[in-house]
C-alpha atoms as a PDB file:
ATOM      1  CA  UNK A   1      28.542  34.048 -26.394  1.00  0.00           C
ATOM      2  CA  UNK A   2      32.300  34.523 -26.548  1.00  0.00           C
ATOM      3  CA  UNK A   3      34.682  32.320 -28.567  1.00  0.00           C
ATOM      4  CA  UNK A   4      35.913  30.233 -25.615  1.00  0.00           C
ATOM      5  CA  UNK A   5      32.380  29.493 -24.407  1.00  0.00           C
ATOM      6  CA  UNK A   6      31.311  28.452 -27.964  1.00  0.00           C
ATOM      7  CA  UNK A   7      34.401  26.214 -28.150  1.00  0.00           C
ATOM      8  CA  UNK A   8      33.587  24.686 -24.755  1.00  0.00           C
ATOM      9  CA  UNK A   9      29.924  24.097 -25.736  1.00  0.00           C
ATOM     10  CA  UNK A  10      30.997  22.480 -29.043  1.00  0.00           C
ATOM     11  CA  UNK A  11      33.362  20.130 -27.068  1.00  0.00           C
ATOM     12  CA  UNK A  12      30.738  19.258 -24.524  1.00  0.00           C
ATOM     13  CA  UNK A  13      28.163  18.560 -27.298  1.00  0.00           C
ATOM     14  CA  UNK A  14      30.763  16.346 -29.133  1.00  0.00           C
ATOM     15  CA  UNK A  15      31.611  14.428 -25.953  1.00  0.00           C
ATOM     16  CA  UNK A  16      27.911  13.886 -25.205  1.00  0.00           C
ATOM     17  CA  UNK A  17      27.389  12.627 -28.744  1.00  0.00           C
ATOM     18  CA  UNK A  18      30.326  10.216 -28.468  1.00  0.00           C
ATOM     19  CA  UNK A  19      29.054   8.896 -25.142  1.00  0.00           C
ATOM     20  CA  UNK A  20      25.581   8.326 -26.645  1.00  0.00           C
ATOM     21  CA  UNK A  21      27.071   6.479 -29.611  1.00  0.00           C
ATOM     22  CA  UNK A  22      29.200   4.312 -27.324  1.00  0.00           C
ATOM     23  CA  UNK A  23      26.211   3.476 -25.168  1.00  0.00           C
ATOM     24  CA  UNK A  24      23.779   2.718 -27.992  1.00  0.00           C
ATOM     25  CA  UNK A  25      25.859   2.075 -31.108  1.00  0.00           C
ATOM     26  CA  UNK A  26      23.257   4.049 -33.082  1.00  0.00           C
ATOM     27  CA  UNK A  27      24.113   6.795 -35.584  1.00  0.00           C
ATOM     28  CA  UNK A  28      22.983   8.605 -38.704  1.00  0.00           C
ATOM     29  CA  UNK A  29      25.325   9.772 -41.431  1.00  0.00           C
ATOM     30  CA  UNK A  30      25.710  13.459 -42.215  1.00  0.00           C
ATOM     31  CA  UNK A  31      24.163  12.854 -45.625  1.00  0.00           C
ATOM     32  CA  UNK A  32      21.091  11.198 -44.092  1.00  0.00           C
ATOM     33  CA  UNK A  33      20.704  14.056 -41.596  1.00  0.00           C
ATOM     34  CA  UNK A  34      21.015  16.634 -44.391  1.00  0.00           C
ATOM     35  CA  UNK A  35      18.419  14.837 -46.414  1.00  0.00           C
ATOM     36  CA  UNK A  36      15.940  14.779 -43.516  1.00  0.00           C
ATOM     37  CA  UNK A  37      16.513  18.420 -42.681  1.00  0.00           C
ATOM     38  CA  UNK A  38      16.004  19.412 -46.340  1.00  0.00           C
ATOM     39  CA  UNK A  39      12.672  17.554 -46.438  1.00  0.00           C
ATOM     40  CA  UNK A  40      11.575  19.156 -43.133  1.00  0.00           C
ATOM     41  CA  UNK A  41      12.548  22.564 -44.447  1.00  0.00           C
ATOM     42  CA  UNK A  42      10.445  21.920 -47.589  1.00  0.00           C
ATOM     43  CA  UNK A  43       7.473  20.999 -45.461  1.00  0.00           C
ATOM     44  CA  UNK A  44       7.667  17.275 -46.239  1.00  0.00           C
ATOM     45  CA  UNK A  45       7.145  15.797 -42.810  1.00  0.00           C
ATOM     46  CA  UNK A  46       8.083  12.175 -43.008  1.00  0.00           C
ATOM     47  CA  UNK A  47       8.592   9.443 -40.499  1.00  0.00           C
ATOM     48  CA  UNK A  48      11.850   9.568 -38.545  1.00  0.00           C
ATOM     49  CA  UNK A  49      14.827   8.065 -40.187  1.00  0.00           C
ATOM     50  CA  UNK A  50      16.003   4.685 -39.153  1.00  0.00           C
ATOM     51  CA  UNK A  51      19.119   4.843 -36.950  1.00  0.00           C
ATOM     52  CA  UNK A  52      21.971   2.594 -38.045  1.00  0.00           C
ATOM     53  CA  UNK A  53      23.795   0.260 -35.693  1.00  0.00           C
ATOM     54  CA  UNK A  54      27.498   0.165 -35.562  1.00  0.00           C
ATOM     55  CA  UNK A  55      27.317  -3.621 -36.039  1.00  0.00           C
ATOM     56  CA  UNK A  56      25.438  -3.074 -39.348  1.00  0.00           C
ATOM     57  CA  UNK A  57      28.434  -1.367 -40.960  1.00  0.00           C
ATOM     58  CA  UNK A  58      29.944  -3.258 -43.852  1.00  0.00           C
ATOM     59  CA  UNK A  59      33.324  -4.797 -43.109  1.00  0.00           C
ATOM     60  CA  UNK A  60      36.019  -3.887 -45.611  1.00  0.00           C
END
């Protein structure tokens, strides 16, 4: 895949993720995703992580 196609694919994926977040308000943090992937890589198959809702964020 050439550089422009990779950039276009990255942009499309980012826009799709943003639209999904706007529609559902659900997300996982990068740290939570990394933790789950590390467990899966180590062969520790656990239950899926709980998605957080935008409304559950702490207000500053």
